[in-house]
Amino acid sequence: MSVTHMGPLHGSERDSAMKNWRYIGMHAVAAAVFIFLLQRYALSATLESSLLWALTFGGCAAGLAYAQSNR
């Protein structure tokens, strides 16, 4: 059973929403940093390529974290 709220978030709902966004952001940053370091230093890729992969993996990680937080 799902309930949708039309108004602003209150109290613990706001805290829960902020924790979810913090979780999603941290997940994205961790994945981006990991893949950047892997590409740049372990695989000796160019800076542009490393940044592109970091952006891609960070976005994918954010999507996965968002899906998991809404389960």
N, C-alpha and C. Protein backbone atom coordinates (compact mmCIF):
# COMPACT_ATOMS: atom_id res chain seq x y z
N MET A 1 0.86 -1.17 0.00
CA MET A 1 0.00 0.00 0.00
C MET A 1 0.90 1.23 0.00
N SER A 2 0.71 2.10 -0.96
CA SER A 2 1.54 3.30 -1.01
C SER A 2 0.68 4.54 -0.82
N VAL A 3 1.27 5.50 -0.16
CA VAL A 3 0.60 6.76 0.10
C VAL A 3 1.44 7.86 -0.51
N THR A 4 0.83 8.72 -1.28
CA THR A 4 1.57 9.85 -1.85
C THR A 4 1.19 11.11 -1.10
N HIS A 5 2.19 11.95 -0.89
CA HIS A 5 1.97 13.21 -0.17
C HIS A 5 1.97 14.35 -1.17
N MET A 6 1.00 15.20 -1.06
CA MET A 6 0.91 16.34 -1.96
C MET A 6 1.57 17.58 -1.35
N GLY A 7 1.76 17.60 -0.05
CA GLY A 7 2.32 18.77 0.61
C GLY A 7 3.80 18.61 0.89
N PRO A 8 4.37 19.57 1.66
CA PRO A 8 5.78 19.51 2.00
C PRO A 8 6.07 18.38 2.99
N LEU A 9 7.32 17.96 3.02
CA LEU A 9 7.72 16.91 3.95
C LEU A 9 7.82 17.48 5.36
N HIS A 10 7.48 16.67 6.35
CA HIS A 10 7.52 17.10 7.74
C HIS A 10 8.36 16.15 8.56
N GLY A 11 9.09 16.69 9.54
CA GLY A 11 9.79 15.92 10.55
C GLY A 11 10.65 14.79 10.02
N SER A 12 10.30 13.56 10.42
CA SER A 12 11.12 12.40 10.07
C SER A 12 11.11 12.10 8.58
N GLU A 13 10.03 12.51 7.87
CA GLU A 13 10.00 12.31 6.42
C GLU A 13 11.10 13.12 5.74
N ARG A 14 11.31 14.34 6.21
CA ARG A 14 12.35 15.20 5.64
C ARG A 14 13.73 14.61 5.94
N ASP A 15 13.93 14.12 7.17
CA ASP A 15 15.20 13.51 7.54
C ASP A 15 15.47 12.28 6.70
N SER A 16 14.46 11.48 6.47
CA SER A 16 14.60 10.27 5.67
C SER A 16 14.96 10.61 4.23
N ALA A 17 14.30 11.64 3.69
CA ALA A 17 14.59 12.05 2.31
C ALA A 17 16.02 12.56 2.19
N MET A 18 16.48 13.33 3.18
CA MET A 18 17.85 13.86 3.15
C MET A 18 18.87 12.74 3.26
N LYS A 19 18.59 11.73 4.09
CA LYS A 19 19.51 10.60 4.21
C LYS A 19 19.60 9.85 2.89
N ASN A 20 18.46 9.71 2.20
CA ASN A 20 18.48 9.02 0.91
C ASN A 20 19.33 9.78 -0.10
N TRP A 21 19.18 11.11 -0.18
CA TRP A 21 19.96 11.88 -1.14
C TRP A 21 21.43 11.88 -0.76
N ARG A 22 21.73 11.90 0.53
CA ARG A 22 23.12 11.83 0.98
C ARG A 22 23.72 10.48 0.59
N TYR A 23 22.96 9.40 0.79
CA TYR A 23 23.39 8.06 0.43
C TYR A 23 23.65 7.97 -1.08
N ILE A 24 22.75 8.51 -1.87
CA ILE A 24 22.90 8.48 -3.33
C ILE A 24 24.13 9.28 -3.75
N GLY A 25 24.32 10.45 -3.18
CA GLY A 25 25.47 11.28 -3.52
C GLY A 25 26.79 10.64 -3.13
N MET A 26 26.85 10.06 -1.95
CA MET A 26 28.07 9.41 -1.51
C MET A 26 28.39 8.20 -2.39
N HIS A 27 27.37 7.47 -2.78
CA HIS A 27 27.55 6.32 -3.65
C HIS A 27 28.12 6.76 -4.99
N ALA A 28 27.57 7.82 -5.55
CA ALA A 28 28.03 8.32 -6.84
C ALA A 28 29.47 8.83 -6.77
N VAL A 29 29.78 9.58 -5.74
CA VAL A 29 31.14 10.13 -5.59
C VAL A 29 32.16 9.01 -5.39
N ALA A 30 31.83 8.02 -4.57
CA ALA A 30 32.76 6.91 -4.33
C ALA A 30 33.03 6.14 -5.62
N ALA A 31 32.00 5.87 -6.39
CA ALA A 31 32.19 5.15 -7.65
C ALA A 31 33.01 5.98 -8.64
N ALA A 32 32.73 7.28 -8.73
CA ALA A 32 33.45 8.14 -9.65
C ALA A 32 34.93 8.23 -9.29
N VAL A 33 35.22 8.40 -8.01
CA VAL A 33 36.61 8.49 -7.57
C VAL A 33 37.34 7.18 -7.84
N PHE A 34 36.69 6.07 -7.53
CA PHE A 34 37.30 4.76 -7.75
C PHE A 34 37.65 4.55 -9.22
N ILE A 35 36.70 4.77 -10.11
CA ILE A 35 36.96 4.51 -11.52
C ILE A 35 37.94 5.51 -12.10
N PHE A 36 37.93 6.76 -11.60
CA PHE A 36 38.91 7.75 -12.07
C PHE A 36 40.32 7.29 -11.71
N LEU A 37 40.52 6.90 -10.46
CA LEU A 37 41.85 6.46 -10.04
C LEU A 37 42.29 5.20 -10.77
N LEU A 38 41.37 4.29 -10.97
CA LEU A 38 41.68 3.07 -11.70
C LEU A 38 42.10 3.39 -13.13
N GLN A 39 41.31 4.19 -13.82
CA GLN A 39 41.60 4.54 -15.21
C GLN A 39 42.90 5.34 -15.32
N ARG A 40 43.02 6.35 -14.49
CA ARG A 40 44.14 7.29 -14.64
C ARG A 40 45.48 6.68 -14.26
N TYR A 41 45.52 5.96 -13.14
CA TYR A 41 46.81 5.51 -12.62
C TYR A 41 47.08 4.03 -12.87
N ALA A 42 46.10 3.18 -12.74
CA ALA A 42 46.33 1.75 -12.96
C ALA A 42 46.36 1.42 -14.45
N LEU A 43 45.52 2.08 -15.24
CA LEU A 43 45.44 1.77 -16.67
C LEU A 43 46.09 2.83 -17.55
N SER A 44 46.62 3.88 -16.95
CA SER A 44 47.33 4.97 -17.65
C SER A 44 46.50 5.58 -18.79
N ALA A 45 45.24 5.82 -18.53
CA ALA A 45 44.37 6.46 -19.52
C ALA A 45 44.58 7.97 -19.49
N THR A 46 44.10 8.65 -20.53
CA THR A 46 44.21 10.11 -20.56
C THR A 46 43.28 10.74 -19.52
N LEU A 47 43.53 11.99 -19.21
CA LEU A 47 42.71 12.70 -18.25
C LEU A 47 41.26 12.80 -18.73
N GLU A 48 41.08 13.12 -20.01
CA GLU A 48 39.73 13.27 -20.57
C GLU A 48 38.96 11.96 -20.50
N SER A 49 39.62 10.87 -20.85
CA SER A 49 38.98 9.56 -20.81
C SER A 49 38.63 9.16 -19.38
N SER A 50 39.54 9.42 -18.46
CA SER A 50 39.31 9.09 -17.05
C SER A 50 38.12 9.86 -16.49
N LEU A 51 38.03 11.16 -16.84
CA LEU A 51 36.92 11.98 -16.36
C LEU A 51 35.60 11.53 -16.96
N LEU A 52 35.62 11.14 -18.22
CA LEU A 52 34.40 10.66 -18.87
C LEU A 52 33.91 9.37 -18.23
N TRP A 53 34.83 8.45 -17.97
CA TRP A 53 34.45 7.20 -17.31
C TRP A 53 33.96 7.46 -15.88
N ALA A 54 34.61 8.40 -15.18
CA ALA A 54 34.19 8.73 -13.82
C ALA A 54 32.77 9.29 -13.82
N LEU A 55 32.47 10.16 -14.76
CA LEU A 55 31.13 10.73 -14.87
C LEU A 55 30.10 9.64 -15.18
N THR A 56 30.45 8.75 -16.09
CA THR A 56 29.54 7.66 -16.47
C THR A 56 29.28 6.72 -15.29
N PHE A 57 30.34 6.26 -14.64
CA PHE A 57 30.17 5.33 -13.53
C PHE A 57 29.49 6.01 -12.34
N GLY A 58 29.79 7.27 -12.10
CA GLY A 58 29.12 8.01 -11.03
C GLY A 58 27.63 8.11 -11.28
N GLY A 59 27.25 8.40 -12.51
CA GLY A 59 25.83 8.46 -12.86
C GLY A 59 25.13 7.12 -12.71
N CYS A 60 25.80 6.06 -13.14
CA CYS A 60 25.22 4.71 -12.99
C CYS A 60 25.08 4.34 -11.52
N ALA A 61 26.09 4.66 -10.73
CA ALA A 61 26.03 4.36 -9.30
C ALA A 61 24.91 5.14 -8.62
N ALA A 62 24.72 6.39 -9.02
CA ALA A 62 23.63 7.19 -8.46
C ALA A 62 22.29 6.58 -8.82
N GLY A 63 22.15 6.13 -10.06
CA GLY A 63 20.91 5.47 -10.47
C GLY A 63 20.63 4.21 -9.68
N LEU A 64 21.64 3.40 -9.47
CA LEU A 64 21.46 2.18 -8.68
C LEU A 64 21.12 2.49 -7.22
N ALA A 65 21.81 3.47 -6.65
CA ALA A 65 21.53 3.85 -5.26
C ALA A 65 20.11 4.40 -5.12
N TYR A 66 19.67 5.17 -6.12
CA TYR A 66 18.30 5.71 -6.11
C TYR A 66 17.29 4.58 -6.16
N ALA A 67 17.53 3.60 -7.03
CA ALA A 67 16.62 2.46 -7.14
C ALA A 67 16.57 1.67 -5.84
N GLN A 68 17.71 1.50 -5.20
CA GLN A 68 17.75 0.75 -3.94
C GLN A 68 17.09 1.52 -2.80
N SER A 69 17.24 2.84 -2.80
CA SER A 69 16.65 3.61 -1.70
C SER A 69 15.13 3.70 -1.81
N ASN A 70 14.57 3.43 -2.99
CA ASN A 70 13.13 3.48 -3.17
C ASN A 70 12.47 2.11 -3.16
N ARG A 71 13.19 1.12 -2.71
CA ARG A 71 12.64 -0.25 -2.62
C ARG A 71 11.72 -0.39 -1.46
